[in-house]
Amino acid sequence: MNIHKQASPGFWTRFREAFALGGSKTAESAAETSAPVREAVGASVDADEDQWRRLSGDGQRDLAPMTQDRMQRLAHYQWETNLLANRLIELPVAYLLAEGVKLVVQDDDAQKILQRHWDDGINAWDLKLPKRVRELGLFGEQCFPVFRDENSGFVRLGYLDPAVIATVVTDPENREQPIGIVTKANRKGEARRYRVIVNVPESAFDARTQEIRATFTDGECFYYRVNDLSSATRGRSDLLAQVDWLDAYDQYLFGELDRASFLRAFMWDVTLKGANEAEVKEKARSITAPKSGSVRVHNDNEEWNTQSPSLQSADAAAGARLFRNHIMGGATLPEHWYGGAENVNRSTGDSMSEPTEKMLKMRQQTVGYMLIDIGRYVLRSAWDALGRELKPEEADILATLTCPWPEMTSKDITKYASALQQITVAIAGLIAEQLITRETALRLVTAMADRLGVEIDVEEELAKALAEDAAGGGGDLLGIKLRTTPPPSAPAPAPAPADA
């Protein structure tokens, strides 16, 4: 906020009079001086105030705008031209999306709305989702302008190149929450201002933030970023830390290619015994290099030998592996994912892949959140088009919206199956000795079932098992007979005869 202060005209009049009189005061000036002095204070708010920052800094963790642009250009160039950089981006995309993904909601009508949005020819999620996930990792951010049919509430998504984003405006009271996108000016000097969609009511923001959001009048958009900090406004590329090393790795391999060419080079060295300088020069003018398969005849005064360079270079494979592992280690990818199978067997390969799978799971959660966030907006938009408030049952439907992911890798389930059998036998004995409850026992089974990719709601599953047991006249759960009613008590002993 700019604060402008201006001294009153009376002050400057008295100042000039005092200066002209050498500091003496007349009666009029004395009377004038006794009048109260008030300063005019004004405040103004610029239309682009949200794009300014203090010179002293305010804890930002962003790259400079030119550096941000350069990062995106270099990341794109390396992805196109560097095989290793391409794999660093493409492998996560393949592991996340090779089996496909869908949005699922537990309501038939809502599912039809989502499916119509998903299969729309412009949205084309099955085709465009890999591109969007790829560019999310490549550029560190993605922005999708929204085009909404006001009559039907149908939603289509556009695409805004991160290269044209000038500023990401955040909530003044909550810096980690983006509220608007300002683009760079086009050739006509026009910049667009998009309001970031947040799936909360506008009343969730304070009055000042709502005023700022009201200035973004060119449409709405979704904005997502990765590799950022809470105090940053822009995302970072997955290749930011590796880009220099990727370039060095390329230069190293091209250098080895040149060295291999030099090693294959050779020349003929001809020795003339007893020849003087004139004879050597004459021979040099007439000599020609023999062709492959030709015949060369000479006496014992002429000797022909081949000479090739001896560069005495270090082992190129060890150097290449050093560079490659340094780059891939920074990206949490094992070397055997890029053809480096030295000293790697199945056991070590599985253990080396586990950190990578954890990193992929984190990215999977981010992409899943993006899809669910967009899906919620699609459903809300369709319901809002009907001109009614969100009903409680519709809010419950939104809570069931999920993004189920298929398994990224095929796991060896034999050890999990064996462990599950052992756990089942062990907890059956505990239940028989009344040392553990059935609910706790089922939680132990669920913990192992998660390893097999099976999700079990313990309370719901236990209730269903008890109901099935009651309907079927009894059954077994974990090897123990289920009882829906307490066992009958033993009959009381008959009273002794009165004359006993």
Protein backbone atom coordinates (compact mmCIF):
# COMPACT_ATOMS: atom_id res chain seq x y z
CA MET A 1 0.00 0.00 0.00
CA ASN A 2 1.33 3.42 -0.93
CA ILE A 3 1.03 6.13 1.71
CA HIS A 4 1.27 9.71 0.43
CA LYS A 5 1.81 12.56 2.93
CA GLN A 6 1.78 16.23 2.01
CA ALA A 7 2.45 19.23 4.30
CA SER A 8 -0.30 21.88 4.41
CA PRO A 9 0.20 25.11 2.36
CA GLY A 10 0.12 27.16 5.58
CA PHE A 11 3.24 25.47 6.79
CA TRP A 12 5.28 26.52 3.75
CA THR A 13 3.91 30.12 3.97
CA ARG A 14 5.06 30.41 7.59
CA PHE A 15 8.40 28.83 6.67
CA ARG A 16 9.08 31.42 3.94
CA GLU A 17 8.01 34.31 6.16
CA ALA A 18 10.21 33.13 9.02
CA PHE A 19 13.16 32.71 6.66
CA ALA A 20 12.65 36.19 5.11
CA LEU A 21 12.40 37.87 8.52
CA GLY A 22 15.48 36.14 9.84
CA GLY A 23 13.39 34.14 12.26
CA SER A 24 11.45 37.12 13.75
CA LYS A 25 7.66 36.85 14.17
CA THR A 26 5.09 39.56 13.53
CA ALA A 27 1.78 39.69 15.31
CA GLU A 28 0.04 38.27 12.29
CA SER A 29 2.53 35.47 11.90
CA ALA A 30 2.33 34.72 15.62
CA ALA A 31 -1.45 34.51 15.39
CA GLU A 32 -1.18 32.30 12.34
CA THR A 33 1.31 30.06 14.09
CA SER A 34 -1.09 29.47 16.94
CA ALA A 35 -3.59 27.84 14.52
CA PRO A 36 -3.61 24.01 14.63
CA VAL A 37 -1.60 22.29 11.90
CA ARG A 38 -3.02 19.21 10.18
CA GLU A 39 -1.32 17.06 7.60
CA ALA A 40 -3.26 15.65 4.68
CA VAL A 41 -2.86 11.87 4.56
CA GLY A 42 -4.05 9.78 1.61
CA ALA A 43 -3.93 6.11 0.71
CA SER A 44 -4.32 4.48 -2.69
CA VAL A 45 -4.45 0.87 -3.86
CA ASP A 46 -3.08 0.20 -7.33
CA ALA A 47 -4.85 -2.24 -9.61
CA ASP A 48 -1.64 -4.25 -9.92
CA GLU A 49 -0.62 -3.98 -6.28
CA ASP A 50 -0.54 -7.75 -5.90
CA GLN A 51 2.34 -7.93 -8.41
CA TRP A 52 4.73 -5.74 -6.39
CA ARG A 53 7.11 -6.94 -3.70
CA ARG A 54 9.11 -5.12 -1.07
CA LEU A 55 12.70 -4.17 -1.83
CA SER A 56 13.75 -5.57 1.53
CA GLY A 57 12.31 -8.96 0.56
CA ASP A 58 9.54 -10.91 2.22
CA GLY A 59 10.92 -14.41 2.58
CA GLN A 60 10.30 -15.53 -1.01
CA ARG A 61 11.88 -18.74 -2.19
CA ASP A 62 11.24 -18.23 -5.91
CA LEU A 63 13.71 -18.18 -8.75
CA ALA A 64 14.17 -14.89 -10.54
CA PRO A 65 11.74 -14.60 -13.49
CA MET A 66 14.53 -14.91 -16.06
CA THR A 67 15.94 -17.93 -14.21
CA GLN A 68 12.49 -19.53 -14.08
CA ASP A 69 12.13 -19.14 -17.86
CA ARG A 70 15.66 -20.46 -18.44
CA MET A 71 14.97 -23.47 -16.22
CA GLN A 72 11.93 -24.40 -18.29
CA ARG A 73 13.78 -23.95 -21.60
CA LEU A 74 16.75 -26.05 -20.47
CA ALA A 75 14.54 -28.77 -19.03
CA HIS A 76 12.64 -29.02 -22.30
CA TYR A 77 15.87 -29.07 -24.32
CA GLN A 78 17.43 -31.79 -22.18
CA TRP A 79 14.26 -33.89 -22.35
CA GLU A 80 14.34 -33.70 -26.15
CA THR A 81 18.06 -34.26 -26.72
CA ASN A 82 19.45 -36.15 -23.71
CA LEU A 83 18.51 -39.83 -23.41
CA LEU A 84 19.08 -39.94 -19.66
CA ALA A 85 17.06 -36.76 -19.05
CA ASN A 86 14.25 -38.21 -21.15
CA ARG A 87 14.19 -41.35 -18.99
CA LEU A 88 14.16 -39.32 -15.77
CA ILE A 89 10.85 -37.78 -16.92
CA GLU A 90 9.29 -40.64 -18.86
CA LEU A 91 9.84 -43.47 -16.38
CA PRO A 92 7.64 -41.91 -13.64
CA VAL A 93 4.96 -41.12 -16.24
CA ALA A 94 4.96 -44.72 -17.46
CA TYR A 95 4.86 -46.21 -13.96
CA LEU A 96 1.97 -43.94 -12.96
CA LEU A 97 -0.22 -44.07 -16.06
CA ALA A 98 0.68 -47.13 -18.12
CA GLU A 99 -2.30 -49.05 -16.70
CA GLY A 100 -4.69 -46.09 -16.97
CA VAL A 101 -6.63 -44.29 -14.26
CA LYS A 102 -10.23 -43.21 -13.72
CA LEU A 103 -12.29 -41.14 -11.32
CA VAL A 104 -14.82 -43.19 -9.35
CA VAL A 105 -17.75 -41.93 -7.30
CA GLN A 106 -20.37 -43.99 -5.47
CA ASP A 107 -23.39 -42.54 -7.27
CA ASP A 108 -24.59 -43.54 -10.72
CA ASP A 109 -25.74 -40.08 -11.83
CA ALA A 110 -22.55 -38.42 -10.58
CA GLN A 111 -20.46 -41.10 -12.29
CA LYS A 112 -22.18 -40.32 -15.60
CA ILE A 113 -21.31 -36.62 -15.18
CA LEU A 114 -17.67 -37.47 -14.55
CA GLN A 115 -17.51 -39.94 -17.43
CA ARG A 116 -19.00 -37.41 -19.84
CA HIS A 117 -16.38 -34.87 -18.80
CA TRP A 118 -13.58 -37.45 -18.99
CA ASP A 119 -14.49 -38.76 -22.45
CA ASP A 120 -15.25 -35.36 -24.01
CA GLY A 121 -13.39 -34.85 -27.27
CA ILE A 122 -11.68 -31.67 -26.04
CA ASN A 123 -10.92 -32.86 -22.52
CA ALA A 124 -9.73 -36.27 -23.83
CA TRP A 125 -8.23 -37.24 -20.48
CA ASP A 126 -6.95 -40.64 -21.63
CA LEU A 127 -4.91 -38.88 -24.32
CA LYS A 128 -3.91 -35.69 -22.51
CA LEU A 129 -3.26 -36.91 -18.96
CA PRO A 130 0.20 -38.38 -19.77
CA LYS A 131 1.17 -35.06 -21.38
CA ARG A 132 -0.03 -33.11 -18.36
CA VAL A 133 1.82 -35.35 -15.90
CA ARG A 134 4.94 -35.21 -18.08
CA GLU A 135 4.92 -31.41 -18.21
CA LEU A 136 4.16 -31.18 -14.49
CA GLY A 137 7.50 -32.86 -13.82
CA LEU A 138 9.27 -31.12 -16.70
CA PHE A 139 8.21 -27.54 -15.93
CA GLY A 140 7.20 -27.90 -12.27
CA GLU A 141 3.71 -26.46 -12.74
CA GLN A 142 0.55 -26.77 -14.80
CA CYS A 143 -2.33 -24.34 -15.39
CA PHE A 144 -5.68 -25.29 -16.94
CA PRO A 145 -8.13 -22.47 -17.79
CA VAL A 146 -11.75 -23.55 -17.33
CA PHE A 147 -14.55 -23.08 -19.83
CA ARG A 148 -17.97 -23.71 -18.29
CA ASP A 149 -21.38 -23.90 -19.94
CA GLU A 150 -23.61 -21.73 -17.76
CA ASN A 151 -26.75 -23.62 -18.78
CA SER A 152 -25.65 -27.21 -18.29
CA GLY A 153 -22.63 -26.69 -16.05
CA PHE A 154 -20.49 -28.82 -18.39
CA VAL A 155 -16.76 -28.15 -17.91
CA ARG A 156 -13.98 -28.19 -20.46
CA LEU A 157 -10.32 -27.55 -19.68
CA GLY A 158 -7.84 -25.53 -21.70
CA TYR A 159 -4.07 -25.28 -21.38
CA LEU A 160 -1.86 -22.36 -20.38
CA ASP A 161 1.83 -22.77 -21.16
CA PRO A 162 3.90 -22.20 -17.99
CA ALA A 163 6.24 -20.10 -20.15
CA VAL A 164 3.60 -17.35 -20.41
CA ILE A 165 2.92 -17.16 -16.66
CA ALA A 166 4.33 -13.92 -15.30
CA THR A 167 3.12 -13.96 -11.69
CA VAL A 168 1.36 -16.34 -9.35
CA VAL A 169 -0.54 -14.26 -6.80
CA THR A 170 -0.98 -15.77 -3.35
CA ASP A 171 -3.28 -15.02 -0.45
CA PRO A 172 -1.73 -12.14 1.56
CA GLU A 173 -2.74 -13.94 4.76
CA ASN A 174 -1.73 -17.42 3.57
CA ARG A 175 1.24 -17.38 1.23
CA GLU A 176 1.09 -21.07 0.34
CA GLN A 177 -2.38 -20.64 -1.21
CA PRO A 178 -2.37 -19.35 -4.83
CA ILE A 179 -5.40 -17.23 -5.69
CA GLY A 180 -4.64 -15.81 -9.14
CA ILE A 181 -2.49 -16.12 -12.27
CA VAL A 182 -1.19 -13.14 -14.25
CA THR A 183 0.15 -13.88 -17.73
CA LYS A 184 2.88 -12.07 -19.63
CA ALA A 185 1.75 -9.33 -21.99
CA ASN A 186 1.17 -10.42 -25.58
CA ARG A 187 2.17 -8.46 -28.70
CA LYS A 188 -0.70 -6.08 -28.13
CA GLY A 189 0.44 -5.40 -24.58
CA GLU A 190 -2.48 -7.32 -23.08
CA ALA A 191 -2.07 -9.56 -20.03
CA ARG A 192 -4.76 -11.92 -18.77
CA ARG A 193 -5.74 -12.43 -15.12
CA TYR A 194 -7.18 -15.82 -14.14
CA ARG A 195 -8.71 -16.56 -10.76
CA VAL A 196 -7.44 -19.84 -9.32
CA ILE A 197 -10.23 -22.29 -8.50
CA VAL A 198 -10.28 -23.37 -4.87
CA ASN A 199 -12.97 -25.83 -3.86
CA VAL A 200 -14.11 -23.77 -0.88
CA PRO A 201 -16.68 -20.97 -0.58
CA GLU A 202 -15.36 -17.46 -1.22
CA SER A 203 -16.26 -16.66 2.38
CA ALA A 204 -13.31 -18.85 3.40
CA PHE A 205 -11.07 -15.93 2.36
CA ASP A 206 -10.93 -12.68 4.29
CA ALA A 207 -12.30 -9.44 2.84
CA ARG A 208 -8.93 -8.23 1.55
CA THR A 209 -8.27 -11.50 -0.30
CA GLN A 210 -11.75 -11.48 -1.80
CA GLU A 211 -11.12 -7.97 -3.13
CA ILE A 212 -7.90 -9.15 -4.81
CA ARG A 213 -9.61 -12.22 -6.29
CA ALA A 214 -12.34 -9.98 -7.70
CA THR A 215 -9.71 -8.27 -9.90
CA PHE A 216 -9.07 -11.52 -11.79
CA THR A 217 -11.81 -11.12 -14.36
CA ASP A 218 -10.51 -13.04 -17.38
CA GLY A 219 -11.74 -16.44 -16.26
CA GLU A 220 -10.98 -19.23 -13.85
CA CYS A 221 -8.24 -21.82 -13.88
CA PHE A 222 -6.73 -24.74 -12.01
CA TYR A 223 -3.10 -24.29 -10.97
CA TYR A 224 -0.83 -27.02 -9.58
CA ARG A 225 2.89 -27.06 -8.82
CA VAL A 226 5.52 -29.51 -7.56
CA ASN A 227 9.00 -29.30 -6.03
CA ASP A 228 8.07 -26.06 -4.29
CA LEU A 229 8.15 -24.68 -0.77
CA SER A 230 5.31 -23.17 1.22
CA SER A 231 6.86 -19.71 0.82
CA ALA A 232 7.36 -20.12 -2.96
CA THR A 233 4.83 -19.23 -5.64
CA ARG A 234 6.23 -21.19 -8.61
CA GLY A 235 7.05 -24.85 -9.12
CA ARG A 236 10.46 -26.28 -10.01
CA SER A 237 11.38 -28.80 -12.68
CA ASP A 238 12.35 -32.35 -11.73
CA LEU A 239 15.52 -31.74 -13.79
CA LEU A 240 16.57 -28.49 -12.11
CA ALA A 241 19.32 -30.02 -9.94
CA GLN A 242 20.50 -32.43 -12.66
CA VAL A 243 20.51 -30.18 -15.72
CA ASP A 244 24.22 -29.23 -15.52
CA TRP A 245 25.25 -32.81 -14.78
CA LEU A 246 23.15 -34.08 -17.67
CA ASP A 247 24.98 -31.70 -19.98
CA ALA A 248 28.34 -32.82 -18.58
CA TYR A 249 27.36 -36.47 -19.06
CA ASP A 250 26.54 -35.76 -22.71
CA GLN A 251 29.86 -33.98 -23.24
CA TYR A 252 31.72 -36.89 -21.63
CA LEU A 253 30.09 -39.43 -23.94
CA PHE A 254 30.73 -37.29 -27.03
CA GLY A 255 34.36 -36.99 -25.92
CA GLU A 256 34.60 -40.76 -25.69
CA LEU A 257 33.10 -41.00 -29.15
CA ASP A 258 35.83 -38.71 -30.51
CA ARG A 259 38.49 -40.73 -28.67
CA ALA A 260 37.18 -43.94 -30.22
CA SER A 261 37.50 -42.33 -33.66
CA PHE A 262 41.07 -41.29 -32.92
CA LEU A 263 41.95 -44.79 -31.73
CA ARG A 264 40.81 -46.24 -35.05
CA ALA A 265 42.98 -43.77 -37.00
CA PHE A 266 46.42 -44.88 -38.31
CA MET A 267 49.15 -43.81 -40.74
CA TRP A 268 51.88 -45.53 -42.80
CA ASP A 269 55.44 -44.94 -41.64
CA VAL A 270 57.99 -45.68 -44.42
CA THR A 271 61.70 -46.02 -43.65
CA LEU A 272 64.28 -45.72 -46.47
CA LYS A 273 67.62 -47.14 -45.41
CA GLY A 274 70.71 -45.29 -46.63
CA ALA A 275 68.73 -42.73 -48.63
CA ASN A 276 69.83 -39.10 -48.74
CA GLU A 277 67.54 -36.08 -48.48
CA ALA A 278 66.96 -35.81 -52.22
CA GLU A 279 66.06 -39.49 -52.50
CA VAL A 280 63.62 -39.20 -49.57
CA LYS A 281 61.89 -36.19 -51.14
CA GLU A 282 61.67 -37.94 -54.49
CA LYS A 283 60.13 -41.03 -52.87
CA ALA A 284 57.63 -38.85 -50.97
CA ARG A 285 56.43 -37.28 -54.24
CA SER A 286 55.85 -40.60 -55.93
CA ILE A 287 54.62 -42.81 -53.08
CA THR A 288 50.93 -43.68 -52.64
CA ALA A 289 49.15 -45.44 -49.79
CA PRO A 290 48.35 -49.05 -50.65
CA LYS A 291 44.72 -49.98 -51.03
CA SER A 292 43.14 -52.88 -49.21
CA GLY A 293 44.00 -56.13 -50.97
CA SER A 294 46.74 -54.56 -53.11
CA VAL A 295 50.31 -55.89 -53.49
CA ARG A 296 53.39 -53.95 -52.33
CA VAL A 297 56.87 -54.94 -53.52
CA HIS A 298 60.13 -53.47 -52.13
CA ASN A 299 63.69 -54.46 -51.32
CA ASP A 300 65.33 -54.71 -47.91
CA ASN A 301 66.22 -50.98 -47.99
CA GLU A 302 62.54 -49.98 -47.60
CA GLU A 303 60.41 -50.73 -44.52
CA TRP A 304 56.66 -50.05 -44.07
CA ASN A 305 54.88 -49.89 -40.68
CA THR A 306 51.52 -48.62 -39.39
CA GLN A 307 51.34 -46.11 -36.56
CA SER A 308 48.22 -45.49 -34.40
CA PRO A 309 47.74 -43.10 -31.47
CA SER A 310 48.07 -44.34 -27.90
CA LEU A 311 45.97 -41.92 -25.79
CA GLN A 312 46.38 -43.81 -22.49
CA SER A 313 42.89 -42.73 -21.32
CA ALA A 314 41.23 -44.01 -18.18
CA ASP A 315 38.46 -46.60 -18.30
CA ALA A 316 35.58 -44.83 -20.03
CA ALA A 317 32.92 -47.18 -18.65
CA ALA A 318 33.83 -46.38 -15.04
CA GLY A 319 33.67 -42.65 -15.71
CA ALA A 320 30.32 -42.91 -17.47
CA ARG A 321 28.91 -44.99 -14.62
CA LEU A 322 30.12 -42.42 -12.09
CA PHE A 323 28.31 -39.59 -13.88
CA ARG A 324 25.20 -41.69 -14.54
CA ASN A 325 24.81 -42.87 -10.95
CA HIS A 326 25.33 -39.36 -9.64
CA ILE A 327 22.46 -38.11 -11.82
CA MET A 328 20.13 -41.04 -11.24
CA GLY A 329 20.84 -41.11 -7.51
CA GLY A 330 19.71 -37.50 -7.30
CA ALA A 331 16.49 -38.52 -9.05
CA THR A 332 16.08 -41.57 -6.75
CA LEU A 333 16.29 -44.04 -9.63
CA PRO A 334 18.42 -47.20 -9.39
CA GLU A 335 21.06 -47.72 -12.06
CA HIS A 336 19.55 -50.97 -13.33
CA TRP A 337 16.52 -48.95 -14.48
CA TYR A 338 18.82 -47.47 -17.12
CA GLY A 339 20.57 -50.62 -18.25
CA GLY A 340 23.28 -50.67 -15.57
CA ALA A 341 22.98 -54.27 -14.35
CA GLU A 342 26.47 -54.65 -12.88
CA ASN A 343 26.44 -56.49 -9.53
CA VAL A 344 22.61 -56.45 -9.42
CA ASN A 345 20.52 -59.56 -8.78
CA ARG A 346 16.82 -59.98 -8.08
CA SER A 347 17.19 -59.50 -4.33
CA THR A 348 19.28 -56.34 -4.50
CA GLY A 349 17.17 -55.07 -7.39
CA ASP A 350 13.99 -55.26 -5.31
CA SER A 351 15.59 -53.49 -2.35
CA MET A 352 17.08 -50.79 -4.60
CA SER A 353 13.69 -50.15 -6.19
CA GLU A 354 11.84 -49.57 -2.91
CA PRO A 355 12.97 -45.90 -2.42
CA THR A 356 12.01 -45.21 -6.03
CA GLU A 357 8.55 -46.66 -5.49
CA LYS A 358 8.09 -44.42 -2.44
CA MET A 359 8.95 -41.35 -4.53
CA LEU A 360 6.55 -42.48 -7.25
CA LYS A 361 3.83 -42.96 -4.63
CA MET A 362 4.29 -39.33 -3.55
CA ARG A 363 3.90 -38.11 -7.13
CA GLN A 364 0.93 -40.45 -7.50
CA GLN A 365 -0.77 -38.77 -4.54
CA THR A 366 -0.17 -35.35 -6.09
CA VAL A 367 -1.65 -36.35 -9.44
CA GLY A 368 -4.53 -38.09 -7.68
CA TYR A 369 -5.30 -34.92 -5.74
CA MET A 370 -5.32 -32.93 -8.98
CA LEU A 371 -7.81 -35.30 -10.58
CA ILE A 372 -10.08 -35.43 -7.53
CA ASP A 373 -9.94 -31.64 -7.19
CA ILE A 374 -11.01 -31.20 -10.82
CA GLY A 375 -13.65 -33.93 -10.44
CA ARG A 376 -15.23 -32.17 -7.47
CA TYR A 377 -15.45 -28.95 -9.46
CA VAL A 378 -17.05 -30.81 -12.38
CA LEU A 379 -19.75 -32.25 -10.12
CA ARG A 380 -20.34 -28.96 -8.28
CA SER A 381 -20.62 -27.14 -11.59
CA ALA A 382 -23.24 -29.57 -12.87
CA TRP A 383 -25.24 -29.29 -9.66
CA ASP A 384 -24.91 -25.49 -9.52
CA ALA A 385 -26.36 -25.26 -13.02
CA LEU A 386 -29.61 -26.54 -11.55
CA GLY A 387 -29.76 -23.39 -9.42
CA ARG A 388 -29.83 -24.96 -6.01
CA GLU A 389 -27.62 -25.15 -2.97
CA LEU A 390 -25.45 -28.18 -2.36
CA LYS A 391 -27.58 -30.76 -0.58
CA PRO A 392 -26.21 -32.84 2.31
CA GLU A 393 -26.51 -36.03 0.27
CA GLU A 394 -24.54 -34.42 -2.57
CA ALA A 395 -21.83 -33.42 -0.13
CA ASP A 396 -21.71 -37.06 0.92
CA ILE A 397 -21.32 -38.06 -2.73
CA LEU A 398 -18.32 -35.73 -3.10
CA ALA A 399 -16.75 -37.45 -0.09
CA THR A 400 -16.86 -40.78 -1.97
CA LEU A 401 -14.96 -39.42 -5.00
CA THR A 402 -11.71 -41.36 -5.35
CA CYS A 403 -8.98 -41.98 -7.87
CA PRO A 404 -8.04 -45.68 -7.59
CA TRP A 405 -4.61 -46.50 -8.96
CA PRO A 406 -3.51 -49.88 -10.33
CA GLU A 407 -0.36 -51.50 -9.01
CA MET A 408 2.74 -49.84 -10.46
CA THR A 409 4.85 -53.00 -10.40
CA SER A 410 4.25 -56.75 -10.26
CA LYS A 411 5.28 -57.94 -6.83
CA ASP A 412 6.36 -61.35 -5.64
CA ILE A 413 3.37 -62.23 -3.46
CA THR A 414 4.55 -65.69 -2.39
CA LYS A 415 6.25 -64.36 0.74
CA TYR A 416 3.19 -62.27 1.63
CA ALA A 417 0.88 -65.25 1.12
CA SER A 418 3.08 -67.39 3.37
CA ALA A 419 3.17 -64.66 6.02
CA LEU A 420 -0.62 -64.28 5.84
CA GLN A 421 -1.10 -67.98 6.49
CA GLN A 422 1.22 -67.91 9.51
CA ILE A 423 -0.50 -64.82 10.92
CA THR A 424 -3.92 -66.41 10.51
CA VAL A 425 -2.89 -69.53 12.41
CA ALA A 426 -1.27 -67.46 15.17
CA ILE A 427 -4.22 -65.15 15.79
CA ALA A 428 -6.64 -68.10 15.68
CA GLY A 429 -4.83 -69.49 18.69
CA LEU A 430 -4.93 -66.13 20.43
CA ILE A 431 -8.67 -65.87 19.89
CA ALA A 432 -9.17 -69.39 21.18
CA GLU A 433 -7.32 -68.47 24.37
CA GLN A 434 -9.35 -65.23 24.57
CA LEU A 435 -6.16 -63.14 24.51
CA ILE A 436 -7.23 -60.94 21.60
CA THR A 437 -10.46 -59.59 20.15
CA ARG A 438 -11.74 -60.49 16.69
CA GLU A 439 -11.47 -56.85 15.61
CA THR A 440 -7.80 -56.66 16.54
CA ALA A 441 -7.22 -60.01 14.84
CA LEU A 442 -8.80 -58.76 11.64
CA ARG A 443 -6.63 -55.63 11.79
CA LEU A 444 -3.55 -57.85 11.79
CA VAL A 445 -4.89 -59.66 8.73
CA THR A 446 -5.67 -56.33 7.07
CA ALA A 447 -2.10 -55.11 7.59
CA MET A 448 -0.84 -58.05 5.53
CA ALA A 449 -3.68 -57.80 3.00
CA ASP A 450 -2.55 -54.24 2.23
CA ARG A 451 0.72 -55.73 1.00
CA LEU A 452 -1.30 -57.77 -1.47
CA GLY A 453 -3.18 -54.70 -2.68
CA VAL A 454 -6.46 -55.54 -0.91
CA GLU A 455 -8.14 -52.86 1.20
CA ILE A 456 -10.38 -54.04 4.04
CA ASP A 457 -12.61 -51.91 6.22
CA VAL A 458 -12.22 -53.76 9.51
CA GLU A 459 -15.48 -52.70 11.18
CA GLU A 460 -17.57 -53.17 8.05
CA GLU A 461 -16.01 -56.52 7.23
CA LEU A 462 -16.45 -57.83 10.76
CA ALA A 463 -20.11 -56.76 10.81
CA LYS A 464 -20.74 -58.51 7.49
CA ALA A 465 -19.02 -61.69 8.71
CA LEU A 466 -21.17 -61.78 11.85
CA ALA A 467 -24.30 -61.17 9.79
CA GLU A 468 -23.46 -63.98 7.37
CA ASP A 469 -22.74 -66.28 10.30
CA ALA A 470 -26.11 -65.49 11.85
CA ALA A 471 -27.92 -65.98 8.52
CA GLY A 472 -26.15 -69.26 7.80
CA GLY A 473 -26.57 -70.78 11.24
CA GLY A 474 -22.94 -70.47 12.22
CA GLY A 475 -19.59 -70.36 10.50
CA ASP A 476 -15.92 -69.85 10.96
CA LEU A 477 -13.92 -66.60 11.02
CA LEU A 478 -10.17 -67.05 11.11
CA GLY A 479 -10.67 -70.67 12.12
CA ILE A 480 -12.80 -69.87 15.19
CA LYS A 481 -16.47 -70.66 15.54
CA LEU A 482 -18.54 -67.48 15.49
CA ARG A 483 -21.29 -66.95 18.02
CA THR A 484 -23.93 -64.26 17.69
CA THR A 485 -25.46 -65.16 21.07
CA PRO A 486 -23.75 -66.18 24.28
CA PRO A 487 -23.59 -69.97 24.86
CA PRO A 488 -26.32 -71.36 27.13
CA SER A 489 -25.30 -71.69 30.75
CA ALA A 490 -25.04 -75.13 32.37
CA PRO A 491 -28.25 -76.32 34.10
CA ALA A 492 -28.40 -75.81 37.85
CA PRO A 493 -28.01 -78.97 39.92
CA ALA A 494 -31.30 -80.56 41.09
CA PRO A 495 -32.19 -79.78 44.72
CA ALA A 496 -31.55 -82.54 47.21
CA PRO A 497 -34.61 -84.49 48.52
CA ALA A 498 -36.17 -82.99 51.62
CA ASP A 499 -35.66 -86.18 53.63
CA ALA A 500 -32.02 -86.57 52.64
